[in-house]
């Protein structure tokens, strides 16, 4: 059995990362697009006094982010 060189080990690590990294980047882009739709609906829910904890349960958006989105919408 031959040992791999450090360069081969790095190449193997990059090869393992590549498909997962591409998938993650694609999902992040989808999430950003979804946030564009979600943001005004969430801001309105905050204005209607839906509890931030409930918003988190329904959307996964943290209370801090919910507050920041509301503040930005009011400016």
N, C-alpha and C. Protein backbone atom coordinates (compact mmCIF):
# COMPACT_ATOMS: atom_id res chain seq x y z
N UNK A 1 0.84 -1.17 0.00
CA UNK A 1 0.00 0.00 0.00
C UNK A 1 0.90 1.24 0.00
N UNK A 2 0.63 2.13 -0.92
CA UNK A 2 1.44 3.35 -0.98
C UNK A 2 0.73 4.48 -0.24
N UNK A 3 1.56 5.29 0.38
CA UNK A 3 1.00 6.43 1.09
C UNK A 3 0.80 7.58 0.11
N UNK A 4 -0.21 8.39 0.39
CA UNK A 4 -0.47 9.54 -0.45
C UNK A 4 0.41 10.70 0.00
N UNK A 5 0.75 11.52 -0.97
CA UNK A 5 1.53 12.71 -0.66
C UNK A 5 0.60 13.77 -0.05
N UNK A 6 1.16 14.76 0.61
CA UNK A 6 0.33 15.84 1.13
C UNK A 6 -0.51 16.52 0.03
N UNK A 7 0.06 16.67 -1.14
CA UNK A 7 -0.69 17.28 -2.25
C UNK A 7 -1.87 16.42 -2.65
N UNK A 8 -1.69 15.11 -2.66
CA UNK A 8 -2.79 14.19 -2.99
C UNK A 8 -3.87 14.23 -1.91
N UNK A 9 -3.45 14.31 -0.65
CA UNK A 9 -4.41 14.39 0.45
C UNK A 9 -5.22 15.69 0.36
N UNK A 10 -4.56 16.79 0.02
CA UNK A 10 -5.26 18.07 -0.14
C UNK A 10 -6.23 17.99 -1.32
N UNK A 11 -5.80 17.38 -2.40
CA UNK A 11 -6.67 17.23 -3.58
C UNK A 11 -7.89 16.38 -3.23
N UNK A 12 -7.70 15.34 -2.45
CA UNK A 12 -8.82 14.50 -2.02
C UNK A 12 -9.79 15.30 -1.14
N UNK A 13 -9.23 16.11 -0.26
CA UNK A 13 -10.07 16.93 0.62
C UNK A 13 -10.86 17.94 -0.20
N UNK A 14 -10.23 18.56 -1.18
CA UNK A 14 -10.94 19.51 -2.05
C UNK A 14 -12.02 18.81 -2.86
N UNK A 15 -11.72 17.63 -3.34
CA UNK A 15 -12.70 16.88 -4.12
C UNK A 15 -13.91 16.52 -3.27
N UNK A 16 -13.70 16.23 -2.00
CA UNK A 16 -14.81 15.92 -1.10
C UNK A 16 -15.62 17.18 -0.79
N UNK A 17 -14.95 18.33 -0.67
CA UNK A 17 -15.63 19.58 -0.36
C UNK A 17 -16.44 20.13 -1.52
N UNK A 18 -15.96 19.96 -2.73
CA UNK A 18 -16.53 20.63 -3.89
C UNK A 18 -18.03 20.40 -4.07
N UNK A 19 -18.53 19.17 -4.13
CA UNK A 19 -19.97 19.02 -4.38
C UNK A 19 -20.82 19.54 -3.22
N UNK A 20 -20.34 19.34 -2.00
CA UNK A 20 -21.10 19.83 -0.84
C UNK A 20 -21.07 21.35 -0.77
N UNK A 21 -19.93 21.94 -1.09
CA UNK A 21 -19.82 23.39 -1.11
C UNK A 21 -20.73 24.01 -2.17
N UNK A 22 -20.78 23.40 -3.34
CA UNK A 22 -21.67 23.90 -4.39
C UNK A 22 -23.12 23.82 -3.95
N UNK A 23 -23.48 22.71 -3.33
CA UNK A 23 -24.86 22.55 -2.86
C UNK A 23 -25.19 23.61 -1.80
N UNK A 24 -24.26 23.84 -0.88
CA UNK A 24 -24.49 24.83 0.17
C UNK A 24 -24.66 26.23 -0.42
N UNK A 25 -23.81 26.60 -1.36
CA UNK A 25 -23.91 27.90 -1.99
C UNK A 25 -25.23 28.06 -2.74
N UNK A 26 -25.68 27.00 -3.40
CA UNK A 26 -26.96 27.03 -4.10
C UNK A 26 -28.11 27.23 -3.12
N UNK A 27 -28.06 26.52 -1.99
CA UNK A 27 -29.10 26.65 -0.98
C UNK A 27 -29.10 28.03 -0.33
N UNK A 28 -27.91 28.59 -0.09
CA UNK A 28 -27.84 29.95 0.45
C UNK A 28 -28.46 30.96 -0.49
N UNK A 29 -28.24 30.79 -1.79
CA UNK A 29 -28.84 31.70 -2.78
C UNK A 29 -30.36 31.56 -2.76
N UNK A 30 -30.86 30.33 -2.63
CA UNK A 30 -32.31 30.12 -2.53
C UNK A 30 -32.85 30.76 -1.27
N UNK A 31 -32.14 30.63 -0.16
CA UNK A 31 -32.57 31.21 1.11
C UNK A 31 -32.64 32.73 1.01
N UNK A 32 -31.65 33.34 0.38
CA UNK A 32 -31.67 34.79 0.20
C UNK A 32 -32.89 35.22 -0.60
N UNK A 33 -33.23 34.47 -1.64
CA UNK A 33 -34.41 34.77 -2.43
C UNK A 33 -35.68 34.63 -1.62
N UNK A 34 -35.74 33.60 -0.80
CA UNK A 34 -36.91 33.38 0.05
C UNK A 34 -37.04 34.49 1.09
N UNK A 35 -35.92 34.94 1.62
CA UNK A 35 -35.95 36.01 2.62
C UNK A 35 -36.56 37.29 2.05
N UNK A 36 -36.36 37.53 0.76
CA UNK A 36 -36.95 38.71 0.12
C UNK A 36 -38.47 38.64 0.22
N UNK A 37 -39.03 37.45 0.03
CA UNK A 37 -40.48 37.27 0.16
C UNK A 37 -40.93 37.27 1.61
N UNK A 38 -40.15 36.64 2.46
CA UNK A 38 -40.52 36.47 3.86
C UNK A 38 -40.45 37.76 4.65
N UNK A 39 -39.49 38.58 4.36
CA UNK A 39 -39.22 39.77 5.19
C UNK A 39 -40.44 40.66 5.39
N UNK A 40 -41.16 41.09 4.34
CA UNK A 40 -42.31 41.97 4.59
C UNK A 40 -43.43 41.26 5.35
N UNK A 41 -43.60 39.99 5.13
CA UNK A 41 -44.64 39.23 5.84
C UNK A 41 -44.27 39.12 7.32
N UNK A 42 -43.01 38.86 7.59
CA UNK A 42 -42.55 38.77 8.97
C UNK A 42 -42.65 40.12 9.67
N UNK A 43 -42.27 41.19 8.99
CA UNK A 43 -42.37 42.52 9.59
C UNK A 43 -43.81 42.82 9.96
N UNK A 44 -44.73 42.48 9.09
CA UNK A 44 -46.14 42.71 9.40
C UNK A 44 -46.59 41.87 10.59
N UNK A 45 -46.11 40.64 10.69
CA UNK A 45 -46.44 39.80 11.84
C UNK A 45 -45.92 40.42 13.13
N UNK A 46 -44.72 40.99 13.10
CA UNK A 46 -44.18 41.67 14.28
C UNK A 46 -45.06 42.86 14.63
N UNK A 47 -45.46 43.61 13.62
CA UNK A 47 -46.34 44.77 13.87
C UNK A 47 -47.68 44.34 14.48
N UNK A 48 -48.16 43.16 14.09
CA UNK A 48 -49.42 42.64 14.61
C UNK A 48 -49.24 41.93 15.95
N UNK A 49 -48.03 42.06 16.49
CA UNK A 49 -47.67 41.55 17.81
C UNK A 49 -47.71 40.03 17.94
N UNK A 50 -47.40 39.36 16.82
CA UNK A 50 -47.16 37.92 16.91
C UNK A 50 -45.87 37.78 17.73
N UNK A 51 -45.88 36.95 18.76
CA UNK A 51 -44.68 36.82 19.59
C UNK A 51 -43.45 36.40 18.77
N UNK A 52 -42.32 37.00 19.09
CA UNK A 52 -41.09 36.68 18.37
C UNK A 52 -40.73 35.20 18.48
N UNK A 53 -41.05 34.62 19.62
CA UNK A 53 -40.78 33.18 19.78
C UNK A 53 -41.61 32.36 18.80
N UNK A 54 -42.87 32.77 18.60
CA UNK A 54 -43.74 32.06 17.66
C UNK A 54 -43.24 32.26 16.22
N UNK A 55 -42.80 33.47 15.91
CA UNK A 55 -42.24 33.72 14.58
C UNK A 55 -41.03 32.82 14.35
N UNK A 56 -40.19 32.69 15.37
CA UNK A 56 -39.03 31.80 15.26
C UNK A 56 -39.46 30.35 15.02
N UNK A 57 -40.48 29.91 15.77
CA UNK A 57 -40.97 28.54 15.61
C UNK A 57 -41.48 28.29 14.19
N UNK A 58 -42.13 29.28 13.62
CA UNK A 58 -42.72 29.12 12.29
C UNK A 58 -41.74 29.31 11.15
N UNK A 59 -40.70 30.12 11.38
CA UNK A 59 -39.81 30.49 10.27
C UNK A 59 -38.35 30.14 10.46
N UNK A 60 -37.92 29.98 11.70
CA UNK A 60 -36.50 29.78 11.96
C UNK A 60 -35.73 31.08 11.99
N UNK A 61 -36.43 32.22 11.84
CA UNK A 61 -35.78 33.52 11.89
C UNK A 61 -35.67 33.92 13.36
N UNK A 62 -34.45 34.26 13.78
CA UNK A 62 -34.21 34.57 15.19
C UNK A 62 -34.94 35.84 15.62
N UNK A 63 -35.24 35.94 16.90
CA UNK A 63 -35.86 37.17 17.40
C UNK A 63 -35.02 38.42 17.09
N UNK A 64 -33.71 38.33 17.20
CA UNK A 64 -32.86 39.49 16.89
C UNK A 64 -33.00 39.91 15.43
N UNK A 65 -33.05 38.94 14.53
CA UNK A 65 -33.22 39.26 13.11
C UNK A 65 -34.60 39.84 12.87
N UNK A 66 -35.62 39.29 13.52
CA UNK A 66 -36.98 39.82 13.39
C UNK A 66 -37.04 41.27 13.82
N UNK A 67 -36.41 41.58 14.94
CA UNK A 67 -36.37 42.96 15.44
C UNK A 67 -35.63 43.87 14.46
N UNK A 68 -34.51 43.38 13.95
CA UNK A 68 -33.71 44.19 13.01
C UNK A 68 -34.49 44.45 11.73
N UNK A 69 -35.19 43.46 11.22
CA UNK A 69 -35.98 43.65 10.00
C UNK A 69 -37.09 44.66 10.27
N UNK A 70 -37.72 44.57 11.42
CA UNK A 70 -38.79 45.52 11.76
C UNK A 70 -38.23 46.93 11.85
N UNK A 71 -37.10 47.08 12.53
CA UNK A 71 -36.48 48.39 12.69
C UNK A 71 -36.12 48.97 11.32
N UNK A 72 -35.53 48.16 10.46
CA UNK A 72 -35.15 48.63 9.14
C UNK A 72 -36.37 49.04 8.32
N UNK A 73 -37.47 48.33 8.49
CA UNK A 73 -38.69 48.65 7.74
C UNK A 73 -39.29 49.96 8.22
N UNK A 74 -39.08 50.30 9.49
CA UNK A 74 -39.65 51.52 10.06
C UNK A 74 -38.81 52.76 9.76
N UNK A 75 -37.59 52.55 9.28
CA UNK A 75 -36.71 53.70 9.03
C UNK A 75 -36.99 54.33 7.69
